[in-house]
Amino acid sequence: EDAPTDSPAAGDPSGEEEEEGPSDLLST
């Protein structure tokens, strides 16, 4: 729930989400 969903991080040209910790990764 704490993962950003509405907008990319400021200044992030890739438009992806902010970095997440290992426990927050969707792939795990």
PDB file of all heavy atoms in Angstrom:
ATOM      1  N   GLU A   1       0.810  -1.191   0.000  1.00  0.00           N
ATOM      2  CA  GLU A   1       0.000   0.000   0.000  1.00  0.00           C
ATOM      3  C   GLU A   1       0.849   1.247   0.000  1.00  0.00           C
ATOM      4  O   GLU A   1       0.435   2.295  -0.454  1.00  0.00           O
ATOM      5  CB  GLU A   1      -0.912   0.002   1.237  1.00  0.00           C
ATOM      6  CG  GLU A   1      -1.856  -1.172   1.254  1.00  0.00           C
ATOM      7  CD  GLU A   1      -3.269  -0.749   1.580  1.00  0.00           C
ATOM      8  OE1 GLU A   1      -3.503   0.458   1.670  1.00  0.00           O
ATOM      9  OE2 GLU A   1      -4.110  -1.623   1.736  1.00  0.00           O
ATOM     10  N   ASP A   2       2.044   1.178   0.563  1.00  0.00           N
ATOM     11  CA  ASP A   2       2.903   2.342   0.637  1.00  0.00           C
ATOM     12  C   ASP A   2       3.613   2.636  -0.659  1.00  0.00           C
ATOM     13  O   ASP A   2       4.288   3.637  -0.788  1.00  0.00           O
ATOM     14  CB  ASP A   2       3.953   2.140   1.749  1.00  0.00           C
ATOM     15  CG  ASP A   2       3.286   2.053   3.112  1.00  0.00           C
ATOM     16  OD1 ASP A   2       2.232   2.690   3.295  1.00  0.00           O
ATOM     17  OD2 ASP A   2       3.817   1.344   3.966  1.00  0.00           O
ATOM     18  N   ALA A   3       3.506   1.716  -1.645  1.00  0.00           N
ATOM     19  CA  ALA A   3       4.193   1.910  -2.913  1.00  0.00           C
ATOM     20  C   ALA A   3       3.535   3.033  -3.687  1.00  0.00           C
ATOM     21  O   ALA A   3       2.320   3.156  -3.709  1.00  0.00           O
ATOM     22  CB  ALA A   3       4.147   0.632  -3.747  1.00  0.00           C
ATOM     23  N   PRO A   4       4.318   3.914  -4.326  1.00  0.00           N
ATOM     24  CA  PRO A   4       3.743   5.022  -5.084  1.00  0.00           C
ATOM     25  C   PRO A   4       2.975   4.507  -6.286  1.00  0.00           C
ATOM     26  O   PRO A   4       3.428   3.640  -6.997  1.00  0.00           O
ATOM     27  CB  PRO A   4       4.983   5.824  -5.533  1.00  0.00           C
ATOM     28  CG  PRO A   4       6.091   4.833  -5.511  1.00  0.00           C
ATOM     29  CD  PRO A   4       5.772   3.875  -4.389  1.00  0.00           C
ATOM     30  N   THR A   5       1.760   5.070  -6.491  1.00  0.00           N
ATOM     31  CA  THR A   5       0.938   4.620  -7.600  1.00  0.00           C
ATOM     32  C   THR A   5       0.449   5.758  -8.483  1.00  0.00           C
ATOM     33  O   THR A   5      -0.008   5.522  -9.589  1.00  0.00           O
ATOM     34  CB  THR A   5      -0.300   3.859  -7.075  1.00  0.00           C
ATOM     35  OG1 THR A   5      -1.021   4.702  -6.185  1.00  0.00           O
ATOM     36  CG2 THR A   5       0.123   2.600  -6.341  1.00  0.00           C
ATOM     37  N   ASP A   6       0.503   6.983  -7.997  1.00  0.00           N
ATOM     38  CA  ASP A   6      -0.115   8.073  -8.734  1.00  0.00           C
ATOM     39  C   ASP A   6       0.818   8.804  -9.679  1.00  0.00           C
ATOM     40  O   ASP A   6       0.423   9.260 -10.726  1.00  0.00           O
ATOM     41  CB  ASP A   6      -0.719   9.092  -7.755  1.00  0.00           C
ATOM     42  CG  ASP A   6      -1.835   8.469  -6.943  1.00  0.00           C
ATOM     43  OD1 ASP A   6      -2.534   7.610  -7.498  1.00  0.00           O
ATOM     44  OD2 ASP A   6      -1.991   8.830  -5.773  1.00  0.00           O
ATOM     45  N   SER A   7       2.078   8.963  -9.285  1.00  0.00           N
ATOM     46  CA  SER A   7       2.974   9.745 -10.122  1.00  0.00           C
ATOM     47  C   SER A   7       4.400   9.279  -9.926  1.00  0.00           C
ATOM     48  O   SER A   7       4.754   8.763  -8.874  1.00  0.00           O
ATOM     49  CB  SER A   7       2.869  11.229  -9.746  1.00  0.00           C
ATOM     50  OG  SER A   7       3.233  11.431  -8.398  1.00  0.00           O
ATOM     51  N   PRO A   8       5.259   9.462 -10.936  1.00  0.00           N
ATOM     52  CA  PRO A   8       6.666   9.085 -10.804  1.00  0.00           C
ATOM     53  C   PRO A   8       7.390  10.015  -9.862  1.00  0.00           C
ATOM     54  O   PRO A   8       6.936  11.106  -9.549  1.00  0.00           O
ATOM     55  CB  PRO A   8       7.192   9.214 -12.243  1.00  0.00           C
ATOM     56  CG  PRO A   8       6.284  10.203 -12.873  1.00  0.00           C
ATOM     57  CD  PRO A   8       4.934   9.990 -12.247  1.00  0.00           C
ATOM     58  N   ALA A   9       8.562   9.576  -9.396  1.00  0.00           N
ATOM     59  CA  ALA A   9       9.363  10.401  -8.505  1.00  0.00           C
ATOM     60  C   ALA A   9       9.804  11.663  -9.240  1.00  0.00           C
ATOM     61  O   ALA A   9      10.051  11.654 -10.432  1.00  0.00           O
ATOM     62  CB  ALA A   9      10.579   9.620  -8.017  1.00  0.00           C
ATOM     63  N   ALA A  10       9.906  12.761  -8.503  1.00  0.00           N
ATOM     64  CA  ALA A  10      10.311  14.023  -9.113  1.00  0.00           C
ATOM     65  C   ALA A  10      11.696  13.895  -9.712  1.00  0.00           C
ATOM     66  O   ALA A  10      12.613  13.385  -9.081  1.00  0.00           O
ATOM     67  CB  ALA A  10      10.289  15.127  -8.055  1.00  0.00           C
ATOM     68  N   GLY A  11      11.832  14.373 -10.936  1.00  0.00           N
ATOM     69  CA  GLY A  11      13.143  14.341 -11.566  1.00  0.00           C
ATOM     70  C   GLY A  11      13.516  13.000 -12.132  1.00  0.00           C
ATOM     71  O   GLY A  11      14.634  12.819 -12.592  1.00  0.00           O
ATOM     72  N   ASP A  12      12.610  12.043 -12.115  1.00  0.00           N
ATOM     73  CA  ASP A  12      12.917  10.711 -12.642  1.00  0.00           C
ATOM     74  C   ASP A  12      12.538  10.671 -14.116  1.00  0.00           C
ATOM     75  O   ASP A  12      11.361  10.598 -14.451  1.00  0.00           O
ATOM     76  CB  ASP A  12      12.118   9.647 -11.862  1.00  0.00           C
ATOM     77  CG  ASP A  12      12.479   8.246 -12.303  1.00  0.00           C
ATOM     78  OD1 ASP A  12      13.252   8.109 -13.279  1.00  0.00           O
ATOM     79  OD2 ASP A  12      11.992   7.300 -11.690  1.00  0.00           O
ATOM     80  N   PRO A  13      13.480  10.724 -15.021  1.00  0.00           N
ATOM     81  CA  PRO A  13      13.161  10.785 -16.449  1.00  0.00           C
ATOM     82  C   PRO A  13      12.546   9.510 -16.986  1.00  0.00           C
ATOM     83  O   PRO A  13      11.945   9.500 -18.040  1.00  0.00           O
ATOM     84  CB  PRO A  13      14.526  11.041 -17.108  1.00  0.00           C
ATOM     85  CG  PRO A  13      15.513  10.455 -16.148  1.00  0.00           C
ATOM     86  CD  PRO A  13      14.924  10.702 -14.787  1.00  0.00           C
ATOM     87  N   SER A  14      12.712   8.409 -16.278  1.00  0.00           N
ATOM     88  CA  SER A  14      12.188   7.145 -16.791  1.00  0.00           C
ATOM     89  C   SER A  14      10.698   7.022 -16.584  1.00  0.00           C
ATOM     90  O   SER A  14      10.038   6.216 -17.213  1.00  0.00           O
ATOM     91  CB  SER A  14      12.892   5.965 -16.095  1.00  0.00           C
ATOM     92  OG  SER A  14      12.522   5.919 -14.738  1.00  0.00           O
ATOM     93  N   GLY A  15      10.147   7.831 -15.644  1.00  0.00           N
ATOM     94  CA  GLY A  15       8.722   7.747 -15.370  1.00  0.00           C
ATOM     95  C   GLY A  15       8.340   6.509 -14.604  1.00  0.00           C
ATOM     96  O   GLY A  15       7.181   6.152 -14.518  1.00  0.00           O
ATOM     97  N   GLU A  16       9.311   5.799 -14.028  1.00  0.00           N
ATOM     98  CA  GLU A  16       9.013   4.604 -13.260  1.00  0.00           C
ATOM     99  C   GLU A  16       8.789   4.970 -11.793  1.00  0.00           C
ATOM    100  O   GLU A  16       8.970   6.094 -11.368  1.00  0.00           O
ATOM    101  CB  GLU A  16      10.195   3.618 -13.359  1.00  0.00           C
ATOM    102  CG  GLU A  16      10.459   3.126 -14.772  1.00  0.00           C
ATOM    103  CD  GLU A  16       9.494   2.049 -15.210  1.00  0.00           C
ATOM    104  OE1 GLU A  16       8.597   1.727 -14.418  1.00  0.00           O
ATOM    105  OE2 GLU A  16       9.619   1.554 -16.326  1.00  0.00           O
ATOM    106  N   GLU A  17       8.453   3.968 -10.967  1.00  0.00           N
ATOM    107  CA  GLU A  17       8.208   4.196  -9.558  1.00  0.00           C
ATOM    108  C   GLU A  17       9.516   4.434  -8.816  1.00  0.00           C
ATOM    109  O   GLU A  17      10.589   4.154  -9.303  1.00  0.00           O
ATOM    110  CB  GLU A  17       7.494   2.972  -8.943  1.00  0.00           C
ATOM    111  CG  GLU A  17       6.141   2.695  -9.544  1.00  0.00           C
ATOM    112  CD  GLU A  17       6.227   1.824 -10.770  1.00  0.00           C
ATOM    113  OE1 GLU A  17       7.310   1.687 -11.342  1.00  0.00           O
ATOM    114  OE2 GLU A  17       5.182   1.283 -11.168  1.00  0.00           O
ATOM    115  N   GLU A  18       9.367   4.927  -7.583  1.00  0.00           N
ATOM    116  CA  GLU A  18      10.546   5.091  -6.747  1.00  0.00           C
ATOM    117  C   GLU A  18      11.091   3.727  -6.377  1.00  0.00           C
ATOM    118  O   GLU A  18      10.408   2.721  -6.445  1.00  0.00           O
ATOM    119  CB  GLU A  18      10.164   5.867  -5.469  1.00  0.00           C
ATOM    120  CG  GLU A  18       9.799   7.321  -5.737  1.00  0.00           C
ATOM    121  CD  GLU A  18       9.564   8.064  -4.444  1.00  0.00           C
ATOM    122  OE1 GLU A  18      10.195   7.688  -3.433  1.00  0.00           O
ATOM    123  OE2 GLU A  18       8.763   8.996  -4.420  1.00  0.00           O
ATOM    124  N   GLU A  19      12.372   3.739  -5.941  1.00  0.00           N
ATOM    125  CA  GLU A  19      13.009   2.478  -5.589  1.00  0.00           C
ATOM    126  C   GLU A  19      12.305   1.846  -4.390  1.00  0.00           C
ATOM    127  O   GLU A  19      11.854   2.525  -3.473  1.00  0.00           O
ATOM    128  CB  GLU A  19      14.486   2.693  -5.267  1.00  0.00           C
ATOM    129  CG  GLU A  19      15.318   3.084  -6.463  1.00  0.00           C
ATOM    130  CD  GLU A  19      15.116   4.535  -6.875  1.00  0.00           C
ATOM    131  OE1 GLU A  19      15.157   5.386  -5.994  1.00  0.00           O
ATOM    132  OE2 GLU A  19      14.899   4.801  -8.076  1.00  0.00           O
ATOM    133  N   GLU A  20      12.272   0.520  -4.377  1.00  0.00           N
ATOM    134  CA  GLU A  20      11.610  -0.205  -3.318  1.00  0.00           C
ATOM    135  C   GLU A  20      12.591  -1.134  -2.632  1.00  0.00           C
ATOM    136  O   GLU A  20      13.580  -1.561  -3.222  1.00  0.00           O
ATOM    137  CB  GLU A  20      10.447  -1.021  -3.899  1.00  0.00           C
ATOM    138  CG  GLU A  20       9.414  -0.175  -4.602  1.00  0.00           C
ATOM    139  CD  GLU A  20       8.546  -0.991  -5.534  1.00  0.00           C
ATOM    140  OE1 GLU A  20       9.118  -1.758  -6.320  1.00  0.00           O
ATOM    141  OE2 GLU A  20       7.314  -0.854  -5.460  1.00  0.00           O
ATOM    142  N   GLY A  21      12.273  -1.453  -1.372  1.00  0.00           N
ATOM    143  CA  GLY A  21      13.082  -2.406  -0.660  1.00  0.00           C
ATOM    144  C   GLY A  21      12.760  -3.810  -1.113  1.00  0.00           C
ATOM    145  O   GLY A  21      11.729  -4.053  -1.755  1.00  0.00           O
ATOM    146  N   PRO A  22      13.614  -4.785  -0.784  1.00  0.00           N
ATOM    147  CA  PRO A  22      13.412  -6.172  -1.221  1.00  0.00           C
ATOM    148  C   PRO A  22      12.040  -6.727  -0.852  1.00  0.00           C
ATOM    149  O   PRO A  22      11.441  -7.473  -1.618  1.00  0.00           O
ATOM    150  CB  PRO A  22      14.541  -6.927  -0.514  1.00  0.00           C
ATOM    151  CG  PRO A  22      15.596  -5.895  -0.288  1.00  0.00           C
ATOM    152  CD  PRO A  22      14.860  -4.615  -0.024  1.00  0.00           C
ATOM    153  N   SER A  23      11.528  -6.363   0.337  1.00  0.00           N
ATOM    154  CA  SER A  23      10.250  -6.912   0.775  1.00  0.00           C
ATOM    155  C   SER A  23       9.073  -6.308   0.024  1.00  0.00           C
ATOM    156  O   SER A  23       7.962  -6.832   0.079  1.00  0.00           O
ATOM    157  CB  SER A  23      10.071  -6.672   2.283  1.00  0.00           C
ATOM    158  OG  SER A  23      10.057  -5.280   2.563  1.00  0.00           O
ATOM    159  N   ASP A  24       9.291  -5.186  -0.675  1.00  0.00           N
ATOM    160  CA  ASP A  24       8.210  -4.525  -1.401  1.00  0.00           C
ATOM    161  C   ASP A  24       8.156  -4.920  -2.873  1.00  0.00           C
ATOM    162  O   ASP A  24       7.275  -4.478  -3.598  1.00  0.00           O
ATOM    163  CB  ASP A  24       8.367  -3.000  -1.311  1.00  0.00           C
ATOM    164  CG  ASP A  24       8.244  -2.501   0.126  1.00  0.00           C
ATOM    165  OD1 ASP A  24       7.461  -3.090   0.879  1.00  0.00           O
ATOM    166  OD2 ASP A  24       8.938  -1.540   0.471  1.00  0.00           O
ATOM    167  N   LEU A  25       9.112  -5.711  -3.323  1.00  0.00           N
ATOM    168  CA  LEU A  25       9.172  -6.038  -4.740  1.00  0.00           C
ATOM    169  C   LEU A  25       8.021  -6.962  -5.141  1.00  0.00           C
ATOM    170  O   LEU A  25       7.748  -7.960  -4.477  1.00  0.00           O
ATOM    171  CB  LEU A  25      10.510  -6.706  -5.069  1.00  0.00           C
ATOM    172  CG  LEU A  25      11.766  -5.852  -4.864  1.00  0.00           C
ATOM    173  CD1 LEU A  25      13.009  -6.665  -5.180  1.00  0.00           C
ATOM    174  CD2 LEU A  25      11.709  -4.595  -5.733  1.00  0.00           C
ATOM    175  N   LEU A  26       7.378  -6.624  -6.228  1.00  0.00           N
ATOM    176  CA  LEU A  26       6.285  -7.443  -6.734  1.00  0.00           C
ATOM    177  C   LEU A  26       6.769  -8.834  -7.134  1.00  0.00           C
ATOM    178  O   LEU A  26       6.085  -9.832  -6.919  1.00  0.00           O
ATOM    179  CB  LEU A  26       5.643  -6.741  -7.938  1.00  0.00           C
ATOM    180  CG  LEU A  26       4.549  -7.493  -8.686  1.00  0.00           C
ATOM    181  CD1 LEU A  26       3.367  -7.783  -7.763  1.00  0.00           C
ATOM    182  CD2 LEU A  26       4.087  -6.681  -9.889  1.00  0.00           C
ATOM    183  N   SER A  27       7.971  -8.888  -7.695  1.00  0.00           N
ATOM    184  CA  SER A  27       8.500 -10.161  -8.196  1.00  0.00           C
ATOM    185  C   SER A  27       8.807 -11.169  -7.098  1.00  0.00           C
ATOM    186  O   SER A  27       8.953 -12.355  -7.373  1.00  0.00           O
ATOM    187  CB  SER A  27       9.766  -9.911  -9.029  1.00  0.00           C
ATOM    188  OG  SER A  27      10.754  -9.261  -8.255  1.00  0.00           O
ATOM    189  N   THR A  28       8.910 -10.713  -5.856  1.00  0.00           N
ATOM    190  CA  THR A  28       9.230 -11.626  -4.755  1.00  0.00           C
ATOM    191  C   THR A  28       7.992 -12.051  -3.971  1.00  0.00           C
ATOM    192  O   THR A  28       8.104 -12.787  -2.992  1.00  0.00           O
ATOM    193  CB  THR A  28      10.238 -10.982  -3.786  1.00  0.00           C
ATOM    194  OG1 THR A  28       9.661  -9.786  -3.225  1.00  0.00           O
ATOM    195  CG2 THR A  28      11.532 -10.635  -4.496  1.00  0.00           C
TER     196      THR A  28
END
